[in-house]
Amino acid sequence: MEKQEKIKVGIFLGRLQPQHRGHEKMIEQIFKENDEIVLCIGSAQKIKETDPIFKKNPLSCKERMKRLGGFLDKKKFSKPYKIFTATDIQPESAWPEHLKKSCRLTNREINTVYFGDPIPKDYERYMEKADLKLKFIDRKKFLYQTKKNTFHKISSATEIRELENDNKNL
């Protein structure tokens, strides 16, 4: 009897606030390394403009889903993928189990959660306790063009939001 090979599932987890070339390169790598892909948009709860975290999460989940779908349609990936959303919950230690439930994940033998940013050691332990394997992809800087056609070499959505909020670049 032949041993059946396990299907590798790669999990992309991001807020996509906004989606940028760094996210897209990471997603492309996840598609190359896995048989199936789960794309999870985090912080999916509705956030009011008066909420202190609105500056960090200005785009609605619907807008982020639309942008991600447009990128996936353009790339025409041949491997199966699913898109899920996950809301923020507390305590932070419960989040990895919430992620597993929200995205219908199983275990570390087949599931790998990819990160582009270093995560705190406590959070890393919470992920491992939830039986999720982690893989860090070194985020490379990429060229970003602002609305005013200035170019900046950046590596994060935080930098994009700061540039776009700076009146000099609008």
N, C-alpha and C. Protein backbone atom coordinates (compact mmCIF):
# COMPACT_ATOMS: atom_id res chain seq x y z
N MET A 1 0.83 -1.18 0.00
CA MET A 1 0.00 0.00 0.00
C MET A 1 0.88 1.25 0.00
N GLU A 2 0.62 2.15 -0.91
CA GLU A 2 1.42 3.35 -1.07
C GLU A 2 1.01 4.42 -0.06
N LYS A 3 2.00 5.05 0.55
CA LYS A 3 1.73 6.13 1.51
C LYS A 3 1.28 7.38 0.75
N GLN A 4 0.16 7.96 1.16
CA GLN A 4 -0.37 9.15 0.51
C GLN A 4 0.33 10.39 1.07
N GLU A 5 0.77 11.27 0.16
CA GLU A 5 1.44 12.50 0.56
C GLU A 5 0.42 13.50 1.11
N LYS A 6 0.81 14.18 2.17
CA LYS A 6 -0.08 15.18 2.79
C LYS A 6 -0.13 16.44 1.93
N ILE A 7 -1.31 17.01 1.86
CA ILE A 7 -1.49 18.27 1.15
C ILE A 7 -0.97 19.38 2.05
N LYS A 8 -0.13 20.25 1.48
CA LYS A 8 0.41 21.38 2.23
C LYS A 8 -0.50 22.59 2.04
N VAL A 9 -0.91 23.17 3.17
CA VAL A 9 -1.79 24.34 3.14
C VAL A 9 -1.02 25.53 3.70
N GLY A 10 -0.89 26.58 2.89
CA GLY A 10 -0.23 27.80 3.32
C GLY A 10 -1.27 28.85 3.67
N ILE A 11 -1.06 29.51 4.80
CA ILE A 11 -2.02 30.49 5.28
C ILE A 11 -1.38 31.87 5.26
N PHE A 12 -1.98 32.77 4.47
CA PHE A 12 -1.57 34.17 4.47
C PHE A 12 -2.50 34.91 5.41
N LEU A 13 -1.93 35.63 6.32
CA LEU A 13 -2.69 36.40 7.29
C LEU A 13 -2.26 37.86 7.20
N GLY A 14 -3.20 38.73 6.88
CA GLY A 14 -2.86 40.15 6.77
C GLY A 14 -4.08 41.03 6.90
N ARG A 15 -3.84 42.26 7.35
CA ARG A 15 -4.94 43.22 7.45
C ARG A 15 -5.18 43.90 6.10
N LEU A 16 -4.14 43.99 5.26
CA LEU A 16 -4.24 44.60 3.94
C LEU A 16 -4.78 46.03 4.03
N GLN A 17 -4.14 46.82 4.86
CA GLN A 17 -4.57 48.20 5.15
C GLN A 17 -3.54 49.22 4.69
N PRO A 18 -3.28 49.42 3.42
CA PRO A 18 -3.86 48.79 2.24
C PRO A 18 -3.01 47.62 1.76
N GLN A 19 -3.58 46.88 0.83
CA GLN A 19 -2.84 45.82 0.16
C GLN A 19 -1.73 46.49 -0.65
N HIS A 20 -0.54 45.88 -0.66
CA HIS A 20 0.58 46.47 -1.40
C HIS A 20 1.44 45.39 -2.01
N ARG A 21 2.45 45.80 -2.73
CA ARG A 21 3.31 44.85 -3.46
C ARG A 21 3.99 43.86 -2.52
N GLY A 22 4.31 44.26 -1.31
CA GLY A 22 4.91 43.32 -0.36
C GLY A 22 3.96 42.18 -0.03
N HIS A 23 2.67 42.49 0.19
CA HIS A 23 1.68 41.44 0.42
C HIS A 23 1.60 40.52 -0.79
N GLU A 24 1.57 41.13 -1.98
CA GLU A 24 1.40 40.35 -3.21
C GLU A 24 2.57 39.41 -3.45
N LYS A 25 3.80 39.87 -3.19
CA LYS A 25 4.97 39.00 -3.34
C LYS A 25 4.91 37.84 -2.35
N MET A 26 4.46 38.13 -1.14
CA MET A 26 4.32 37.09 -0.13
C MET A 26 3.28 36.05 -0.56
N ILE A 27 2.14 36.52 -1.06
CA ILE A 27 1.09 35.61 -1.54
C ILE A 27 1.62 34.75 -2.69
N GLU A 28 2.37 35.36 -3.61
CA GLU A 28 2.95 34.60 -4.72
C GLU A 28 3.86 33.49 -4.20
N GLN A 29 4.68 33.79 -3.19
CA GLN A 29 5.57 32.77 -2.63
C GLN A 29 4.77 31.66 -1.96
N ILE A 30 3.71 32.01 -1.25
CA ILE A 30 2.88 31.00 -0.59
C ILE A 30 2.25 30.08 -1.63
N PHE A 31 1.81 30.62 -2.75
CA PHE A 31 1.27 29.79 -3.82
C PHE A 31 2.33 28.84 -4.37
N LYS A 32 3.58 29.29 -4.48
CA LYS A 32 4.65 28.43 -4.99
C LYS A 32 4.96 27.28 -4.04
N GLU A 33 4.87 27.51 -2.73
CA GLU A 33 5.32 26.53 -1.74
C GLU A 33 4.24 25.57 -1.24
N ASN A 34 2.98 25.77 -1.63
CA ASN A 34 1.89 24.99 -1.05
C ASN A 34 0.95 24.44 -2.11
N ASP A 35 0.16 23.43 -1.69
CA ASP A 35 -0.82 22.81 -2.59
C ASP A 35 -2.15 23.57 -2.57
N GLU A 36 -2.51 24.08 -1.41
CA GLU A 36 -3.73 24.86 -1.24
C GLU A 36 -3.39 26.09 -0.40
N ILE A 37 -4.17 27.15 -0.61
CA ILE A 37 -3.87 28.40 0.07
C ILE A 37 -5.12 28.92 0.77
N VAL A 38 -4.91 29.42 1.99
CA VAL A 38 -5.96 30.10 2.75
C VAL A 38 -5.50 31.54 2.92
N LEU A 39 -6.32 32.47 2.46
CA LEU A 39 -6.02 33.89 2.60
C LEU A 39 -6.97 34.44 3.65
N CYS A 40 -6.42 34.98 4.71
CA CYS A 40 -7.26 35.48 5.81
C CYS A 40 -7.03 36.97 5.99
N ILE A 41 -8.12 37.71 5.87
CA ILE A 41 -8.08 39.15 6.10
C ILE A 41 -8.41 39.37 7.58
N GLY A 42 -7.44 39.90 8.30
CA GLY A 42 -7.63 40.13 9.73
C GLY A 42 -8.24 41.49 10.03
N SER A 43 -8.57 41.71 11.28
CA SER A 43 -9.24 42.93 11.75
C SER A 43 -10.45 43.23 10.86
N ALA A 44 -11.28 42.20 10.66
CA ALA A 44 -12.40 42.29 9.73
C ALA A 44 -13.65 42.93 10.32
N GLN A 45 -13.62 43.22 11.61
CA GLN A 45 -14.79 43.85 12.23
C GLN A 45 -14.97 45.26 11.68
N LYS A 46 -16.20 45.76 11.72
CA LYS A 46 -16.47 47.13 11.28
C LYS A 46 -15.87 48.09 12.30
N ILE A 47 -15.12 49.05 11.80
CA ILE A 47 -14.46 50.03 12.67
C ILE A 47 -14.98 51.42 12.31
N LYS A 48 -15.46 52.12 13.30
CA LYS A 48 -15.99 53.48 13.09
C LYS A 48 -14.85 54.48 12.99
N GLU A 49 -15.10 55.55 12.27
CA GLU A 49 -14.09 56.61 12.12
C GLU A 49 -13.69 57.22 13.45
N THR A 50 -14.56 57.15 14.45
CA THR A 50 -14.25 57.70 15.76
C THR A 50 -13.44 56.74 16.63
N ASP A 51 -13.28 55.52 16.19
CA ASP A 51 -12.53 54.51 16.95
C ASP A 51 -11.04 54.84 16.86
N PRO A 52 -10.31 54.77 17.98
CA PRO A 52 -8.87 55.09 17.96
C PRO A 52 -8.06 54.23 16.98
N ILE A 53 -8.51 53.01 16.67
CA ILE A 53 -7.73 52.17 15.75
C ILE A 53 -8.10 52.39 14.28
N PHE A 54 -9.01 53.36 14.02
CA PHE A 54 -9.42 53.63 12.63
C PHE A 54 -8.24 54.07 11.77
N LYS A 55 -7.32 54.87 12.31
CA LYS A 55 -6.16 55.34 11.54
C LYS A 55 -5.33 54.16 11.03
N LYS A 56 -5.28 53.09 11.82
CA LYS A 56 -4.52 51.91 11.45
C LYS A 56 -5.33 50.97 10.55
N ASN A 57 -6.65 51.13 10.56
CA ASN A 57 -7.55 50.25 9.81
C ASN A 57 -8.61 51.07 9.07
N PRO A 58 -8.20 51.92 8.12
CA PRO A 58 -9.17 52.81 7.48
C PRO A 58 -10.05 52.14 6.41
N LEU A 59 -9.62 51.03 5.86
CA LEU A 59 -10.38 50.39 4.77
C LEU A 59 -11.35 49.35 5.32
N SER A 60 -12.54 49.32 4.74
CA SER A 60 -13.54 48.32 5.16
C SER A 60 -13.11 46.93 4.70
N CYS A 61 -13.65 45.93 5.34
CA CYS A 61 -13.35 44.55 4.96
C CYS A 61 -13.81 44.30 3.52
N LYS A 62 -14.95 44.86 3.15
CA LYS A 62 -15.49 44.70 1.80
C LYS A 62 -14.50 45.26 0.76
N GLU A 63 -13.93 46.43 1.03
CA GLU A 63 -12.96 47.03 0.11
C GLU A 63 -11.70 46.17 0.01
N ARG A 64 -11.23 45.66 1.14
CA ARG A 64 -10.02 44.82 1.12
C ARG A 64 -10.28 43.51 0.38
N MET A 65 -11.47 42.92 0.55
CA MET A 65 -11.83 41.69 -0.17
C MET A 65 -11.84 41.96 -1.68
N LYS A 66 -12.37 43.10 -2.08
CA LYS A 66 -12.45 43.47 -3.49
C LYS A 66 -11.05 43.60 -4.09
N ARG A 67 -10.16 44.30 -3.39
CA ARG A 67 -8.79 44.48 -3.89
C ARG A 67 -8.04 43.16 -3.97
N LEU A 68 -8.20 42.32 -2.94
CA LEU A 68 -7.54 41.02 -2.95
C LEU A 68 -8.07 40.17 -4.10
N GLY A 69 -9.38 40.17 -4.28
CA GLY A 69 -9.99 39.41 -5.38
C GLY A 69 -9.48 39.87 -6.74
N GLY A 70 -9.33 41.18 -6.91
CA GLY A 70 -8.80 41.72 -8.17
C GLY A 70 -7.38 41.23 -8.44
N PHE A 71 -6.56 41.22 -7.41
CA PHE A 71 -5.18 40.73 -7.55
C PHE A 71 -5.19 39.25 -7.92
N LEU A 72 -5.99 38.45 -7.22
CA LEU A 72 -6.03 37.01 -7.49
C LEU A 72 -6.56 36.72 -8.90
N ASP A 73 -7.57 37.47 -9.33
CA ASP A 73 -8.10 37.30 -10.69
C ASP A 73 -7.03 37.63 -11.74
N LYS A 74 -6.29 38.69 -11.49
CA LYS A 74 -5.24 39.11 -12.43
C LYS A 74 -4.12 38.07 -12.53
N LYS A 75 -3.75 37.48 -11.40
CA LYS A 75 -2.65 36.51 -11.38
C LYS A 75 -3.06 35.14 -11.93
N LYS A 76 -4.33 34.82 -11.87
CA LYS A 76 -4.85 33.53 -12.38
C LYS A 76 -4.09 32.32 -11.79
N PHE A 77 -3.97 32.29 -10.47
CA PHE A 77 -3.31 31.17 -9.81
C PHE A 77 -4.07 29.88 -10.11
N SER A 78 -3.34 28.80 -10.35
CA SER A 78 -3.99 27.54 -10.70
C SER A 78 -4.30 26.66 -9.49
N LYS A 79 -3.72 26.97 -8.35
CA LYS A 79 -3.96 26.15 -7.16
C LYS A 79 -5.22 26.62 -6.44
N PRO A 80 -5.90 25.70 -5.75
CA PRO A 80 -7.12 26.10 -5.03
C PRO A 80 -6.81 27.02 -3.85
N TYR A 81 -7.71 27.99 -3.65
CA TYR A 81 -7.57 28.89 -2.52
C TYR A 81 -8.94 29.27 -1.99
N LYS A 82 -8.93 29.69 -0.72
CA LYS A 82 -10.14 30.18 -0.06
C LYS A 82 -9.79 31.49 0.62
N ILE A 83 -10.78 32.38 0.69
CA ILE A 83 -10.60 33.65 1.40
C ILE A 83 -11.53 33.65 2.60
N PHE A 84 -10.96 33.93 3.76
CA PHE A 84 -11.73 34.03 5.00
C PHE A 84 -11.45 35.38 5.64
N THR A 85 -12.26 35.72 6.62
CA THR A 85 -12.01 36.91 7.41
C THR A 85 -11.99 36.51 8.88
N ALA A 86 -11.27 37.28 9.66
CA ALA A 86 -11.22 37.04 11.11
C ALA A 86 -11.26 38.39 11.83
N THR A 87 -12.14 38.49 12.79
CA THR A 87 -12.23 39.70 13.60
C THR A 87 -11.21 39.64 14.73
N ASP A 88 -10.88 40.77 15.27
CA ASP A 88 -9.98 40.82 16.42
C ASP A 88 -10.75 40.37 17.66
N ILE A 89 -10.09 39.61 18.50
CA ILE A 89 -10.69 39.20 19.77
C ILE A 89 -9.67 39.35 20.88
N GLN A 90 -10.15 39.35 22.09
CA GLN A 90 -9.30 39.39 23.28
C GLN A 90 -9.68 38.22 24.17
N PRO A 91 -8.77 37.68 24.94
CA PRO A 91 -7.37 38.05 25.04
C PRO A 91 -6.60 37.57 23.81
N GLU A 92 -5.45 38.18 23.59
CA GLU A 92 -4.62 37.84 22.44
C GLU A 92 -4.26 36.35 22.42
N SER A 93 -4.13 35.75 23.58
CA SER A 93 -3.77 34.33 23.65
C SER A 93 -4.83 33.43 23.01
N ALA A 94 -6.08 33.92 22.90
CA ALA A 94 -7.16 33.13 22.29
C ALA A 94 -7.21 33.28 20.77
N TRP A 95 -6.46 34.23 20.24
CA TRP A 95 -6.56 34.54 18.82
C TRP A 95 -6.16 33.37 17.91
N PRO A 96 -5.08 32.63 18.16
CA PRO A 96 -4.72 31.53 17.26
C PRO A 96 -5.83 30.47 17.12
N GLU A 97 -6.50 30.13 18.20
CA GLU A 97 -7.62 29.18 18.09
C GLU A 97 -8.77 29.80 17.31
N HIS A 98 -8.98 31.10 17.50
CA HIS A 98 -10.00 31.84 16.74
C HIS A 98 -9.65 31.81 15.24
N LEU A 99 -8.37 32.00 14.92
CA LEU A 99 -7.91 31.93 13.53
C LEU A 99 -8.18 30.54 12.95
N LYS A 100 -7.84 29.50 13.69
CA LYS A 100 -8.08 28.13 13.21
C LYS A 100 -9.55 27.90 12.91
N LYS A 101 -10.41 28.36 13.81
CA LYS A 101 -11.85 28.17 13.63
C LYS A 101 -12.36 29.02 12.46
N SER A 102 -11.96 30.29 12.40
CA SER A 102 -12.41 31.19 11.34
C SER A 102 -12.00 30.70 9.95
N CYS A 103 -10.81 30.12 9.85
CA CYS A 103 -10.26 29.71 8.55
C CYS A 103 -10.33 28.20 8.32
N ARG A 104 -10.95 27.49 9.26
CA ARG A 104 -11.11 26.03 9.14
C ARG A 104 -9.77 25.31 8.94
N LEU A 105 -8.81 25.64 9.79
CA LEU A 105 -7.49 25.03 9.72
C LEU A 105 -7.45 23.78 10.57
N THR A 106 -6.48 22.92 10.27
CA THR A 106 -6.36 21.67 11.04
C THR A 106 -5.14 21.69 11.93
N ASN A 107 -3.98 21.24 11.43
CA ASN A 107 -2.81 21.14 12.32
C ASN A 107 -1.52 21.45 11.58
N ARG A 108 -0.45 21.53 12.37
CA ARG A 108 0.84 21.94 11.86
C ARG A 108 1.46 20.96 10.87
N GLU A 109 0.98 19.72 10.83
CA GLU A 109 1.54 18.79 9.84
C GLU A 109 1.26 19.27 8.43
N ILE A 110 0.14 19.93 8.24
CA ILE A 110 -0.19 20.38 6.89
C ILE A 110 -0.36 21.89 6.78
N ASN A 111 -0.57 22.59 7.91
CA ASN A 111 -0.83 24.04 7.87
C ASN A 111 0.39 24.83 8.28
N THR A 112 0.74 25.84 7.47
CA THR A 112 1.81 26.77 7.81
C THR A 112 1.27 28.19 7.69
N VAL A 113 1.38 28.96 8.76
CA VAL A 113 0.95 30.35 8.76
C VAL A 113 2.18 31.21 8.47
N TYR A 114 2.07 32.04 7.44
CA TYR A 114 3.18 32.89 7.01
C TYR A 114 3.04 34.28 7.61
N PHE A 115 4.18 34.85 8.01
CA PHE A 115 4.23 36.21 8.55
C PHE A 115 5.31 36.99 7.82
N GLY A 116 5.07 38.26 7.60
CA GLY A 116 6.07 39.13 6.99
C GLY A 116 6.76 40.01 8.01
N ASP A 117 6.20 40.07 9.20
CA ASP A 117 6.78 40.87 10.28
C ASP A 117 7.11 39.95 11.44
N PRO A 118 8.17 40.26 12.17
CA PRO A 118 8.43 39.48 13.39
C PRO A 118 7.26 39.62 14.36
N ILE A 119 6.96 38.56 15.07
CA ILE A 119 5.87 38.62 16.05
C ILE A 119 6.45 38.42 17.44
N PRO A 120 5.79 38.94 18.46
CA PRO A 120 6.28 38.77 19.83
C PRO A 120 6.37 37.28 20.20
N LYS A 121 7.34 36.96 21.04
CA LYS A 121 7.56 35.57 21.47
C LYS A 121 6.31 34.97 22.10
N ASP A 122 5.59 35.76 22.91
CA ASP A 122 4.35 35.25 23.52
C ASP A 122 3.37 34.81 22.45
N TYR A 123 3.20 35.65 21.43
CA TYR A 123 2.26 35.34 20.36
C TYR A 123 2.71 34.10 19.59
N GLU A 124 4.02 33.98 19.39
CA GLU A 124 4.57 32.81 18.72
C GLU A 124 4.23 31.54 19.52
N ARG A 125 4.35 31.61 20.84
CA ARG A 125 3.99 30.46 21.69
C ARG A 125 2.50 30.15 21.60
N TYR A 126 1.65 31.17 21.53
CA TYR A 126 0.21 30.94 21.39
C TYR A 126 -0.08 30.20 20.08
N MET A 127 0.61 30.58 19.01
CA MET A 127 0.40 29.93 17.71
C MET A 127 0.84 28.47 17.77
N GLU A 128 1.99 28.22 18.38
CA GLU A 128 2.49 26.85 18.49
C GLU A 128 1.58 26.00 19.38
N LYS A 129 1.07 26.58 20.44
CA LYS A 129 0.14 25.86 21.33
C LYS A 129 -1.14 25.48 20.57
N ALA A 130 -1.54 26.31 19.61
CA ALA A 130 -2.72 26.03 18.79
C ALA A 130 -2.38 25.06 17.66
N ASP A 131 -1.17 24.52 17.66
CA ASP A 131 -0.71 23.54 16.68
C ASP A 131 -0.60 24.13 15.28
N LEU A 132 -0.14 25.37 15.21
CA LEU A 132 0.08 26.04 13.93
C LEU A 132 1.58 26.27 13.74
N LYS A 133 2.07 25.84 12.61
CA LYS A 133 3.48 26.04 12.26
C LYS A 133 3.62 27.43 11.66
N LEU A 134 4.72 28.11 11.98
CA LEU A 134 4.96 29.48 11.52
C LEU A 134 6.13 29.51 10.55
N LYS A 135 6.01 30.39 9.58
CA LYS A 135 7.14 30.62 8.67
C LYS A 135 7.21 32.12 8.41
N PHE A 136 8.39 32.69 8.58
CA PHE A 136 8.59 34.10 8.37
C PHE A 136 9.21 34.32 7.00
N ILE A 137 8.62 35.23 6.25
CA ILE A 137 9.16 35.63 4.96
C ILE A 137 9.72 37.03 5.15
N ASP A 138 11.01 37.16 4.90
CA ASP A 138 11.65 38.46 5.07
C ASP A 138 11.02 39.44 4.10
N ARG A 139 10.42 40.47 4.65
CA ARG A 139 9.74 41.46 3.82
C ARG A 139 10.78 42.36 3.15
N LYS A 140 10.75 42.37 1.83
CA LYS A 140 11.68 43.20 1.06
C LYS A 140 11.04 44.56 0.80
N LYS A 141 11.88 45.56 0.70
CA LYS A 141 11.38 46.90 0.35
C LYS A 141 10.93 46.88 -1.10
N PHE A 142 9.92 47.68 -1.39
CA PHE A 142 9.43 47.79 -2.76
C PHE A 142 9.14 49.26 -3.05
N LEU A 143 9.04 49.59 -4.32
CA LEU A 143 8.79 50.96 -4.74
C LEU A 143 7.30 51.24 -4.69
N TYR A 144 6.93 52.31 -4.02
CA TYR A 144 5.53 52.71 -3.89
C TYR A 144 5.35 54.10 -4.48
N GLN A 145 4.32 54.26 -5.33
CA GLN A 145 4.01 55.54 -5.94
C GLN A 145 2.80 56.15 -5.25
N THR A 146 2.96 57.37 -4.71
CA THR A 146 1.86 58.03 -4.02
C THR A 146 0.89 58.63 -5.04
N LYS A 147 -0.21 59.16 -4.53
CA LYS A 147 -1.21 59.80 -5.39
C LYS A 147 -0.65 61.00 -6.13
N LYS A 148 0.40 61.60 -5.58
CA LYS A 148 1.01 62.78 -6.21
C LYS A 148 2.22 62.40 -7.07
N ASN A 149 2.33 61.08 -7.36
CA ASN A 149 3.38 60.55 -8.22
C ASN A 149 4.79 60.71 -7.66
N THR A 150 4.91 60.73 -6.34
CA THR A 150 6.24 60.65 -5.75
C THR A 150 6.51 59.18 -5.48
N PHE A 151 7.78 58.77 -5.53
CA PHE A 151 8.14 57.38 -5.34
C PHE A 151 8.92 57.22 -4.04
N HIS A 152 8.62 56.14 -3.32
CA HIS A 152 9.27 55.87 -2.04
C HIS A 152 9.57 54.39 -1.94
N LYS A 153 10.72 54.07 -1.39
CA LYS A 153 11.07 52.67 -1.15
C LYS A 153 10.61 52.34 0.27
N ILE A 154 9.62 51.46 0.39
CA ILE A 154 9.03 51.16 1.69
C ILE A 154 8.83 49.65 1.84
N SER A 155 8.32 49.23 3.01
CA SER A 155 8.11 47.80 3.24
C SER A 155 6.84 47.50 4.02
N SER A 156 6.00 48.51 4.27
CA SER A 156 4.82 48.21 5.08
C SER A 156 3.64 49.11 4.76
N ALA A 157 2.45 48.63 5.10
CA ALA A 157 1.23 49.42 4.93
C ALA A 157 1.24 50.62 5.86
N THR A 158 1.88 50.50 7.01
CA THR A 158 1.99 51.64 7.92
C THR A 158 2.70 52.80 7.22
N GLU A 159 3.79 52.50 6.53
CA GLU A 159 4.52 53.53 5.80
C GLU A 159 3.64 54.14 4.70
N ILE A 160 2.85 53.31 4.02
CA ILE A 160 1.95 53.82 2.98
C ILE A 160 0.93 54.77 3.59
N ARG A 161 0.30 54.35 4.69
CA ARG A 161 -0.70 55.22 5.34
C ARG A 161 -0.07 56.54 5.76
N GLU A 162 1.14 56.49 6.31
CA GLU A 162 1.81 57.72 6.73
C GLU A 162 2.09 58.63 5.54
N LEU A 163 2.55 58.05 4.43
CA LEU A 163 2.81 58.85 3.24
C LEU A 163 1.54 59.49 2.71
N GLU A 164 0.47 58.71 2.63
CA GLU A 164 -0.78 59.21 2.07
C GLU A 164 -1.45 60.24 3.00
N ASN A 165 -1.19 60.15 4.29
CA ASN A 165 -1.74 61.13 5.24
C ASN A 165 -0.94 62.42 5.30
N ASP A 166 0.28 62.36 4.78
CA ASP A 166 1.15 63.53 4.77
C ASP A 166 0.73 64.42 3.60
N ASN A 167 0.25 65.61 3.89
CA ASN A 167 -0.27 66.51 2.84
C ASN A 167 0.70 66.77 1.70
N LYS A 168 2.00 66.66 1.96
CA LYS A 168 2.98 66.90 0.90
C LYS A 168 2.87 65.87 -0.22
N ASN A 169 2.36 64.67 0.11
CA ASN A 169 2.34 63.60 -0.87
C ASN A 169 0.97 63.36 -1.49
N LEU A 170 -0.05 64.07 -1.06
CA LEU A 170 -1.39 63.83 -1.59
C LEU A 170 -1.62 64.38 -2.97
